[in-house]
PDB file of N, CA and C in Angstrom:
ATOM      1  N   MET A   1     -23.358  22.492  36.380  1.00  0.00           N
ATOM      2  CA  MET A   1     -22.061  22.599  35.755  1.00  0.00           C
ATOM      3  C   MET A   1     -22.078  23.821  34.839  1.00  0.00           C
ATOM      4  N   THR A   2     -21.048  24.624  34.906  1.00  0.00           N
ATOM      5  CA  THR A   2     -21.012  25.829  34.088  1.00  0.00           C
ATOM      6  C   THR A   2     -20.679  25.480  32.640  1.00  0.00           C
ATOM      7  N   GLU A   3     -21.001  26.411  31.760  1.00  0.00           N
ATOM      8  CA  GLU A   3     -20.718  26.200  30.340  1.00  0.00           C
ATOM      9  C   GLU A   3     -19.215  26.067  30.098  1.00  0.00           C
ATOM     10  N   HIS A   4     -18.424  26.826  30.863  1.00  0.00           N
ATOM     11  CA  HIS A   4     -16.965  26.763  30.718  1.00  0.00           C
ATOM     12  C   HIS A   4     -16.427  25.386  31.109  1.00  0.00           C
ATOM     13  N   SER A   5     -16.897  24.842  32.223  1.00  0.00           N
ATOM     14  CA  SER A   5     -16.401  23.526  32.652  1.00  0.00           C
ATOM     15  C   SER A   5     -16.906  22.430  31.713  1.00  0.00           C
ATOM     16  N   GLU A   6     -18.119  22.569  31.184  1.00  0.00           N
ATOM     17  CA  GLU A   6     -18.636  21.606  30.214  1.00  0.00           C
ATOM     18  C   GLU A   6     -17.777  21.626  28.949  1.00  0.00           C
ATOM     19  N   SER A   7     -17.387  22.806  28.507  1.00  0.00           N
ATOM     20  CA  SER A   7     -16.530  22.952  27.329  1.00  0.00           C
ATOM     21  C   SER A   7     -15.166  22.312  27.575  1.00  0.00           C
ATOM     22  N   ARG A   8     -14.633  22.510  28.773  1.00  0.00           N
ATOM     23  CA  ARG A   8     -13.345  21.915  29.125  1.00  0.00           C
ATOM     24  C   ARG A   8     -13.441  20.388  29.133  1.00  0.00           C
ATOM     25  N   LEU A   9     -14.531  19.855  29.673  1.00  0.00           N
ATOM     26  CA  LEU A   9     -14.736  18.404  29.679  1.00  0.00           C
ATOM     27  C   LEU A   9     -14.819  17.860  28.255  1.00  0.00           C
ATOM     28  N   ARG A  10     -15.526  18.568  27.378  1.00  0.00           N
ATOM     29  CA  ARG A  10     -15.635  18.124  25.982  1.00  0.00           C
ATOM     30  C   ARG A  10     -14.264  18.072  25.310  1.00  0.00           C
ATOM     31  N   ARG A  11     -13.397  19.043  25.629  1.00  0.00           N
ATOM     32  CA  ARG A  11     -12.039  19.037  25.052  1.00  0.00           C
ATOM     33  C   ARG A  11     -11.255  17.815  25.540  1.00  0.00           C
ATOM     34  N   VAL A  12     -11.389  17.478  26.817  1.00  0.00           N
ATOM     35  CA  VAL A  12     -10.692  16.300  27.351  1.00  0.00           C
ATOM     36  C   VAL A  12     -11.267  15.032  26.718  1.00  0.00           C
ATOM     37  N   VAL A  13     -12.575  14.973  26.515  1.00  0.00           N
ATOM     38  CA  VAL A  13     -13.198  13.823  25.842  1.00  0.00           C
ATOM     39  C   VAL A  13     -12.607  13.671  24.449  1.00  0.00           C
ATOM     40  N   GLU A  14     -12.511  14.758  23.696  1.00  0.00           N
ATOM     41  CA  GLU A  14     -11.938  14.699  22.342  1.00  0.00           C
ATOM     42  C   GLU A  14     -10.486  14.242  22.390  1.00  0.00           C
ATOM     43  N   GLU A  15      -9.744  14.719  23.372  1.00  0.00           N
ATOM     44  CA  GLU A  15      -8.339  14.312  23.519  1.00  0.00           C
ATOM     45  C   GLU A  15      -8.233  12.811  23.802  1.00  0.00           C
ATOM     46  N   LEU A  16      -9.102  12.292  24.666  1.00  0.00           N
ATOM     47  CA  LEU A  16      -9.071  10.861  24.968  1.00  0.00           C
ATOM     48  C   LEU A  16      -9.504  10.025  23.768  1.00  0.00           C
ATOM     49  N   ILE A  17     -10.415  10.530  22.968  1.00  0.00           N
ATOM     50  CA  ILE A  17     -10.807   9.812  21.744  1.00  0.00           C
ATOM     51  C   ILE A  17      -9.615   9.713  20.802  1.00  0.00           C
ATOM     52  N   GLU A  18      -8.898  10.814  20.623  1.00  0.00           N
ATOM     53  CA  GLU A  18      -7.705  10.797  19.768  1.00  0.00           C
ATOM     54  C   GLU A  18      -6.651   9.838  20.322  1.00  0.00           C
ATOM     55  N   ALA A  19      -6.440   9.859  21.637  1.00  0.00           N
ATOM     56  CA  ALA A  19      -5.454   8.966  22.259  1.00  0.00           C
ATOM     57  C   ALA A  19      -5.865   7.511  22.074  1.00  0.00           C
ATOM     58  N   ALA A  20      -7.141   7.234  22.220  1.00  0.00           N
ATOM     59  CA  ALA A  20      -7.634   5.866  22.028  1.00  0.00           C
ATOM     60  C   ALA A  20      -7.338   5.398  20.612  1.00  0.00           C
ATOM     61  N   GLU A  21      -7.642   6.230  19.647  1.00  0.00           N
ATOM     62  CA  GLU A  21      -7.438   5.834  18.257  1.00  0.00           C
ATOM     63  C   GLU A  21      -5.959   5.674  17.936  1.00  0.00           C
ATOM     64  N   ARG A  22      -5.096   6.513  18.531  1.00  0.00           N
ATOM     65  CA  ARG A  22      -3.652   6.362  18.323  1.00  0.00           C
ATOM     66  C   ARG A  22      -3.117   5.093  18.965  1.00  0.00           C
ATOM     67  N   SER A  23      -3.814   4.599  19.989  1.00  0.00           N
ATOM     68  CA  SER A  23      -3.351   3.372  20.646  1.00  0.00           C
ATOM     69  C   SER A  23      -4.059   2.129  20.106  1.00  0.00           C
ATOM     70  N   GLY A  24      -4.811   2.278  19.012  1.00  0.00           N
ATOM     71  CA  GLY A  24      -5.417   1.114  18.368  1.00  0.00           C
ATOM     72  C   GLY A  24      -6.837   0.794  18.776  1.00  0.00           C
ATOM     73  N   VAL A  25      -7.516   1.717  19.435  1.00  0.00           N
ATOM     74  CA  VAL A  25      -8.897   1.498  19.855  1.00  0.00           C
ATOM     75  C   VAL A  25      -9.790   2.415  19.025  1.00  0.00           C
ATOM     76  N   LYS A  26     -10.721   1.825  18.319  1.00  0.00           N
ATOM     77  CA  LYS A  26     -11.651   2.623  17.534  1.00  0.00           C
ATOM     78  C   LYS A  26     -12.772   3.118  18.447  1.00  0.00           C
ATOM     79  N   VAL A  27     -13.143   4.385  18.306  1.00  0.00           N
ATOM     80  CA  VAL A  27     -14.205   4.968  19.130  1.00  0.00           C
ATOM     81  C   VAL A  27     -15.364   5.334  18.212  1.00  0.00           C
ATOM     82  N   ARG A  28     -16.538   4.859  18.583  1.00  0.00           N
ATOM     83  CA  ARG A  28     -17.749   5.185  17.815  1.00  0.00           C
ATOM     84  C   ARG A  28     -18.740   5.885  18.726  1.00  0.00           C
ATOM     85  N   ARG A  29     -19.296   6.965  18.210  1.00  0.00           N
ATOM     86  CA  ARG A  29     -20.371   7.667  18.918  1.00  0.00           C
ATOM     87  C   ARG A  29     -21.673   7.271  18.256  1.00  0.00           C
ATOM     88  N   GLU A  30     -22.530   6.683  19.052  1.00  0.00           N
ATOM     89  CA  GLU A  30     -23.795   6.152  18.534  1.00  0.00           C
ATOM     90  C   GLU A  30     -24.947   6.688  19.367  1.00  0.00           C
ATOM     91  N   LYS A  31     -26.107   6.693  18.777  1.00  0.00           N
ATOM     92  CA  LYS A  31     -27.316   6.992  19.541  1.00  0.00           C
ATOM     93  C   LYS A  31     -27.802   5.652  20.080  1.00  0.00           C
ATOM     94  N   LEU A  32     -27.633   5.456  21.378  1.00  0.00           N
ATOM     95  CA  LEU A  32     -28.042   4.202  22.002  1.00  0.00           C
ATOM     96  C   LEU A  32     -29.510   4.296  22.370  1.00  0.00           C
ATOM     97  N   LEU A  33     -30.257   3.325  21.928  1.00  0.00           N
ATOM     98  CA  LEU A  33     -31.694   3.324  22.177  1.00  0.00           C
ATOM     99  C   LEU A  33     -31.970   2.988  23.635  1.00  0.00           C
ATOM    100  N   ARG A  34     -32.988   3.606  24.157  1.00  0.00           N
ATOM    101  CA  ARG A  34     -33.363   3.378  25.549  1.00  0.00           C
ATOM    102  C   ARG A  34     -34.799   2.884  25.599  1.00  0.00           C
ATOM    103  N   GLU A  35     -35.032   1.996  26.526  1.00  0.00           N
ATOM    104  CA  GLU A  35     -36.375   1.488  26.791  1.00  0.00           C
ATOM    105  C   GLU A  35     -36.728   1.897  28.219  1.00  0.00           C
ATOM    106  N   VAL A  36     -37.976   1.867  28.532  1.00  0.00           N
ATOM    107  CA  VAL A  36     -38.400   2.185  29.892  1.00  0.00           C
ATOM    108  C   VAL A  36     -37.756   1.187  30.849  1.00  0.00           C
ATOM    109  N   GLY A  37     -37.106   1.713  31.880  1.00  0.00           N
ATOM    110  CA  GLY A  37     -36.489   0.854  32.880  1.00  0.00           C
ATOM    111  C   GLY A  37     -35.120   0.322  32.499  1.00  0.00           C
ATOM    112  N   TYR A  38     -34.575   0.754  31.369  1.00  0.00           N
ATOM    113  CA  TYR A  38     -33.275   0.265  30.926  1.00  0.00           C
ATOM    114  C   TYR A  38     -32.416   1.458  30.538  1.00  0.00           C
ATOM    115  N   ARG A  39     -31.200   1.503  31.058  1.00  0.00           N
ATOM    116  CA  ARG A  39     -30.288   2.603  30.760  1.00  0.00           C
ATOM    117  C   ARG A  39     -29.068   2.062  30.030  1.00  0.00           C
ATOM    118  N   ALA A  40     -28.931   2.399  28.766  1.00  0.00           N
ATOM    119  CA  ALA A  40     -27.761   1.990  27.988  1.00  0.00           C
ATOM    120  C   ALA A  40     -26.615   2.934  28.306  1.00  0.00           C
ATOM    121  N   ARG A  41     -25.412   2.374  28.443  1.00  0.00           N
ATOM    122  CA  ARG A  41     -24.273   3.201  28.837  1.00  0.00           C
ATOM    123  C   ARG A  41     -23.169   3.232  27.791  1.00  0.00           C
ATOM    124  N   GLY A  42     -22.984   2.183  27.028  1.00  0.00           N
ATOM    125  CA  GLY A  42     -21.833   2.103  26.131  1.00  0.00           C
ATOM    126  C   GLY A  42     -20.663   1.492  26.882  1.00  0.00           C
ATOM    127  N   GLY A  43     -19.506   1.442  26.244  1.00  0.00           N
ATOM    128  CA  GLY A  43     -18.324   0.911  26.899  1.00  0.00           C
ATOM    129  C   GLY A  43     -17.377   0.263  25.919  1.00  0.00           C
ATOM    130  N   ALA A  44     -16.381  -0.413  26.451  1.00  0.00           N
ATOM    131  CA  ALA A  44     -15.355  -1.062  25.641  1.00  0.00           C
ATOM    132  C   ALA A  44     -15.776  -2.479  25.294  1.00  0.00           C
ATOM    133  N   CYS A  45     -15.413  -2.910  24.084  1.00  0.00           N
ATOM    134  CA  CYS A  45     -15.679  -4.284  23.666  1.00  0.00           C
ATOM    135  C   CYS A  45     -14.713  -4.649  22.551  1.00  0.00           C
ATOM    136  N   ARG A  46     -14.798  -5.877  22.132  1.00  0.00           N
ATOM    137  CA  ARG A  46     -13.986  -6.357  21.017  1.00  0.00           C
ATOM    138  C   ARG A  46     -14.952  -6.906  19.979  1.00  0.00           C
ATOM    139  N   LEU A  47     -14.831  -6.430  18.748  1.00  0.00           N
ATOM    140  CA  LEU A  47     -15.721  -6.836  17.671  1.00  0.00           C
ATOM    141  C   LEU A  47     -14.874  -7.229  16.466  1.00  0.00           C
ATOM    142  N   ARG A  48     -14.932  -8.509  16.110  1.00  0.00           N
ATOM    143  CA  ARG A  48     -14.177  -9.014  14.946  1.00  0.00           C
ATOM    144  C   ARG A  48     -12.724  -8.549  14.940  1.00  0.00           C
ATOM    145  N   GLU A  49     -11.997  -8.889  15.969  1.00  0.00           N
ATOM    146  CA  GLU A  49     -10.567  -8.573  16.082  1.00  0.00           C
ATOM    147  C   GLU A  49     -10.268  -7.081  16.234  1.00  0.00           C
ATOM    148  N   GLU A  50     -11.267  -6.289  16.514  1.00  0.00           N
ATOM    149  CA  GLU A  50     -11.065  -4.848  16.647  1.00  0.00           C
ATOM    150  C   GLU A  50     -11.476  -4.400  18.049  1.00  0.00           C
ATOM    151  N   ASN A  51     -10.574  -3.662  18.717  1.00  0.00           N
ATOM    152  CA  ASN A  51     -10.921  -3.061  20.008  1.00  0.00           C
ATOM    153  C   ASN A  51     -11.779  -1.842  19.733  1.00  0.00           C
ATOM    154  N   LEU A  52     -12.855  -1.728  20.464  1.00  0.00           N
ATOM    155  CA  LEU A  52     -13.852  -0.712  20.174  1.00  0.00           C
ATOM    156  C   LEU A  52     -14.402  -0.122  21.470  1.00  0.00           C
ATOM    157  N   VAL A  53     -14.663   1.175  21.453  1.00  0.00           N
ATOM    158  CA  VAL A  53     -15.373   1.828  22.543  1.00  0.00           C
ATOM    159  C   VAL A  53     -16.588   2.487  21.924  1.00  0.00           C
ATOM    160  N   ILE A  54     -17.740   2.186  22.466  1.00  0.00           N
ATOM    161  CA  ILE A  54     -18.984   2.783  21.980  1.00  0.00           C
ATOM    162  C   ILE A  54     -19.453   3.789  23.026  1.00  0.00           C
ATOM    163  N   ILE A  55     -19.690   5.007  22.568  1.00  0.00           N
ATOM    164  CA  ILE A  55     -20.130   6.087  23.444  1.00  0.00           C
ATOM    165  C   ILE A  55     -21.521   6.519  23.005  1.00  0.00           C
ATOM    166  N   ASP A  56     -22.398   6.684  23.971  1.00  0.00           N
ATOM    167  CA  ASP A  56     -23.719   7.240  23.684  1.00  0.00           C
ATOM    168  C   ASP A  56     -23.535   8.731  23.415  1.00  0.00           C
ATOM    169  N   ARG A  57     -23.812   9.146  22.199  1.00  0.00           N
ATOM    170  CA  ARG A  57     -23.564  10.544  21.830  1.00  0.00           C
ATOM    171  C   ARG A  57     -24.451  11.526  22.592  1.00  0.00           C
ATOM    172  N   ASP A  58     -25.526  11.036  23.208  1.00  0.00           N
ATOM    173  CA  ASP A  58     -26.419  11.913  23.970  1.00  0.00           C
ATOM    174  C   ASP A  58     -26.045  11.998  25.450  1.00  0.00           C
ATOM    175  N   GLN A  59     -25.026  11.256  25.874  1.00  0.00           N
ATOM    176  CA  GLN A  59     -24.584  11.319  27.269  1.00  0.00           C
ATOM    177  C   GLN A  59     -23.927  12.667  27.548  1.00  0.00           C
ATOM    178  N   PRO A  60     -24.037  13.161  28.763  1.00  0.00           N
ATOM    179  CA  PRO A  60     -23.298  14.375  29.138  1.00  0.00           C
ATOM    180  C   PRO A  60     -21.786  14.118  29.047  1.00  0.00           C
ATOM    181  N   ALA A  61     -21.032  15.184  28.847  1.00  0.00           N
ATOM    182  CA  ALA A  61     -19.583  15.072  28.670  1.00  0.00           C
ATOM    183  C   ALA A  61     -18.907  14.367  29.840  1.00  0.00           C
ATOM    184  N   HIS A  62     -19.349  14.612  31.088  1.00  0.00           N
ATOM    185  CA  HIS A  62     -18.670  13.979  32.231  1.00  0.00           C
ATOM    186  C   HIS A  62     -18.867  12.462  32.218  1.00  0.00           C
ATOM    187  N   GLU A  63     -20.002  11.980  31.726  1.00  0.00           N
ATOM    188  CA  GLU A  63     -20.208  10.531  31.632  1.00  0.00           C
ATOM    189  C   GLU A  63     -19.385   9.937  30.492  1.00  0.00           C
ATOM    190  N   GLN A  64     -19.278  10.649  29.379  1.00  0.00           N
ATOM    191  CA  GLN A  64     -18.426  10.185  28.279  1.00  0.00           C
ATOM    192  C   GLN A  64     -16.975  10.120  28.727  1.00  0.00           C
ATOM    193  N   LEU A  65     -16.548  11.114  29.495  1.00  0.00           N
ATOM    194  CA  LEU A  65     -15.178  11.148  30.005  1.00  0.00           C
ATOM    195  C   LEU A  65     -14.908   9.947  30.906  1.00  0.00           C
ATOM    196  N   GLU A  66     -15.826   9.649  31.813  1.00  0.00           N
ATOM    197  CA  GLU A  66     -15.660   8.493  32.702  1.00  0.00           C
ATOM    198  C   GLU A  66     -15.552   7.200  31.907  1.00  0.00           C
ATOM    199  N   LEU A  67     -16.409   7.051  30.915  1.00  0.00           N
ATOM    200  CA  LEU A  67     -16.424   5.833  30.112  1.00  0.00           C
ATOM    201  C   LEU A  67     -15.105   5.663  29.343  1.00  0.00           C
ATOM    202  N   LEU A  68     -14.632   6.734  28.716  1.00  0.00           N
ATOM    203  CA  LEU A  68     -13.374   6.677  27.969  1.00  0.00           C
ATOM    204  C   LEU A  68     -12.188   6.413  28.893  1.00  0.00           C
ATOM    205  N   ALA A  69     -12.152   7.103  30.020  1.00  0.00           N
ATOM    206  CA  ALA A  69     -11.045   6.912  30.961  1.00  0.00           C
ATOM    207  C   ALA A  69     -11.004   5.476  31.455  1.00  0.00           C
ATOM    208  N   GLU A  70     -12.166   4.926  31.741  1.00  0.00           N
ATOM    209  CA  GLU A  70     -12.252   3.535  32.185  1.00  0.00           C
ATOM    210  C   GLU A  70     -11.749   2.575  31.097  1.00  0.00           C
ATOM    211  N   ALA A  71     -12.112   2.846  29.852  1.00  0.00           N
ATOM    212  CA  ALA A  71     -11.699   1.988  28.742  1.00  0.00           C
ATOM    213  C   ALA A  71     -10.199   2.086  28.476  1.00  0.00           C
ATOM    214  N   LEU A  72      -9.593   3.223  28.805  1.00  0.00           N
ATOM    215  CA  LEU A  72      -8.173   3.441  28.501  1.00  0.00           C
ATOM    216  C   LEU A  72      -7.234   3.172  29.672  1.00  0.00           C
ATOM    217  N   ARG A  73      -7.776   2.941  30.855  1.00  0.00           N
ATOM    218  CA  ARG A  73      -6.924   2.858  32.038  1.00  0.00           C
ATOM    219  C   ARG A  73      -5.877   1.758  31.974  1.00  0.00           C
ATOM    220  N   ASP A  74      -6.133   0.666  31.268  1.00  0.00           N
ATOM    221  CA  ASP A  74      -5.165  -0.436  31.200  1.00  0.00           C
ATOM    222  C   ASP A  74      -4.357  -0.438  29.901  1.00  0.00           C
ATOM    223  N   ARG A  75      -4.533   0.565  29.068  1.00  0.00           N
ATOM    224  CA  ARG A  75      -3.793   0.648  27.802  1.00  0.00           C
ATOM    225  C   ARG A  75      -2.433   1.297  28.051  1.00  0.00           C
ATOM    226  N   ASP A  76      -1.455   0.939  27.229  1.00  0.00           N
ATOM    227  CA  ASP A  76      -0.134   1.555  27.316  1.00  0.00           C
ATOM    228  C   ASP A  76      -0.177   2.881  26.556  1.00  0.00           C
ATOM    229  N   LEU A  77      -0.226   3.968  27.292  1.00  0.00           N
ATOM    230  CA  LEU A  77      -0.313   5.296  26.680  1.00  0.00           C
ATOM    231  C   LEU A  77       0.937   6.133  26.945  1.00  0.00           C
ATOM    232  N   GLU A  78       2.022   5.480  27.351  1.00  0.00           N
ATOM    233  CA  GLU A  78       3.248   6.209  27.660  1.00  0.00           C
ATOM    234  C   GLU A  78       3.787   6.983  26.460  1.00  0.00           C
ATOM    235  N   SER A  79       3.625   6.446  25.263  1.00  0.00           N
ATOM    236  CA  SER A  79       4.164   7.109  24.076  1.00  0.00           C
ATOM    237  C   SER A  79       3.171   8.106  23.469  1.00  0.00           C
ATOM    238  N   VAL A  80       2.006   8.242  24.079  1.00  0.00           N
ATOM    239  CA  VAL A  80       0.973   9.156  23.580  1.00  0.00           C
ATOM    240  C   VAL A  80       0.936  10.377  24.481  1.00  0.00           C
ATOM    241  N   TYR A  81       1.075  11.572  23.877  1.00  0.00           N
ATOM    242  CA  TYR A  81       0.993  12.780  24.699  1.00  0.00           C
ATOM    243  C   TYR A  81      -0.448  12.970  25.165  1.00  0.00           C
ATOM    244  N   LEU A  82      -0.592  13.192  26.461  1.00  0.00           N
ATOM    245  CA  LEU A  82      -1.887  13.520  27.051  1.00  0.00           C
ATOM    246  C   LEU A  82      -1.699  14.707  27.987  1.00  0.00           C
ATOM    247  N   SER A  83      -2.650  15.597  27.981  1.00  0.00           N
ATOM    248  CA  SER A  83      -2.604  16.738  28.892  1.00  0.00           C
ATOM    249  C   SER A  83      -2.710  16.225  30.335  1.00  0.00           C
ATOM    250  N   PRO A  84      -2.291  17.039  31.279  1.00  0.00           N
ATOM    251  CA  PRO A  84      -2.434  16.627  32.678  1.00  0.00           C
ATOM    252  C   PRO A  84      -3.888  16.293  33.049  1.00  0.00           C
ATOM    253  N   ALA A  85      -4.845  17.035  32.508  1.00  0.00           N
ATOM    254  CA  ALA A  85      -6.254  16.773  32.818  1.00  0.00           C
ATOM    255  C   ALA A  85      -6.674  15.394  32.307  1.00  0.00           C
ATOM    256  N   ALA A  86      -6.208  15.018  31.115  1.00  0.00           N
ATOM    257  CA  ALA A  86      -6.551  13.708  30.558  1.00  0.00           C
ATOM    258  C   ALA A  86      -5.896  12.599  31.380  1.00  0.00           C
ATOM    259  N   ARG A  87      -4.639  12.794  31.774  1.00  0.00           N
ATOM    260  CA  ARG A  87      -3.965  11.783  32.603  1.00  0.00           C
ATOM    261  C   ARG A  87      -4.655  11.635  33.965  1.00  0.00           C
ATOM    262  N   ARG A  88      -5.092  12.757  34.544  1.00  0.00           N
ATOM    263  CA  ARG A  88      -5.820  12.692  35.829  1.00  0.00           C
ATOM    264  C   ARG A  88      -7.118  11.901  35.674  1.00  0.00           C
ATOM    265  N   ALA A  89      -7.823  12.121  34.563  1.00  0.00           N
ATOM    266  CA  ALA A  89      -9.091  11.400  34.337  1.00  0.00           C
ATOM    267  C   ALA A  89      -8.851   9.899  34.268  1.00  0.00           C
ATOM    268  N   ILE A  90      -7.793   9.488  33.568  1.00  0.00           N
ATOM    269  CA  ILE A  90      -7.472   8.060  33.465  1.00  0.00           C
ATOM    270  C   ILE A  90      -7.027   7.534  34.825  1.00  0.00           C
ATOM    271  N   GLY A  91      -6.251   8.321  35.547  1.00  0.00           N
ATOM    272  CA  GLY A  91      -5.821   7.914  36.886  1.00  0.00           C
ATOM    273  C   GLY A  91      -6.985   7.758  37.839  1.00  0.00           C
ATOM    274  N   ALA A  92      -7.965   8.648  37.737  1.00  0.00           N
ATOM    275  CA  ALA A  92      -9.147   8.564  38.597  1.00  0.00           C
ATOM    276  C   ALA A  92      -9.950   7.307  38.294  1.00  0.00           C
ATOM    277  N   ALA A  93      -9.962   6.900  37.024  1.00  0.00           N
ATOM    278  CA  ALA A  93     -10.694   5.679  36.635  1.00  0.00           C
ATOM    279  C   ALA A  93     -10.002   4.442  37.198  1.00  0.00           C
ATOM    280  N   SER A  94      -8.708   4.548  37.489  1.00  0.00           N
ATOM    281  CA  SER A  94      -7.958   3.408  38.011  1.00  0.00           C
ATOM    282  C   SER A  94      -8.122   3.223  39.510  1.00  0.00           C
ATOM    283  N   GLU A  95      -8.600   4.269  40.182  1.00  0.00           N
ATOM    284  CA  GLU A  95      -8.759   4.184  41.629  1.00  0.00           C
ATOM    285  C   GLU A  95      -9.995   3.369  41.983  1.00  0.00           C
ATOM    286  N   PRO A  96      -9.893   2.537  43.005  1.00  0.00           N
ATOM    287  CA  PRO A  96     -11.073   1.751  43.408  1.00  0.00           C
ATOM    288  C   PRO A  96     -12.186   2.665  43.906  1.00  0.00           C
ATOM    289  N   SER A  97     -13.424   2.261  43.615  1.00  0.00           N
ATOM    290  CA  SER A  97     -14.583   3.069  44.024  1.00  0.00           C
ATOM    291  C   SER A  97     -14.909   2.879  45.478  1.00  0.00           C
TER     292      SER A  97
END
């Protein structure tokens, strides 16, 4: 992946984080501990009445983007401005694998 495309992905990740927070989802970037044979990924959860997305801060931008898009795919984001690239990412997360 080129540095330019990585930079573009990081911008979309930041945009999705802002959209998540505007729609009531708190996003936390954490260093997720790893053990041999175990891969921590992060994801969406609910903690004490709060919707939360935990992202492994050491993950590559494309994995963070997938995780955020997946967490936001069922949220009502019609009133939140999103760039076409951010909307495509969320739409791609909605498509069956």
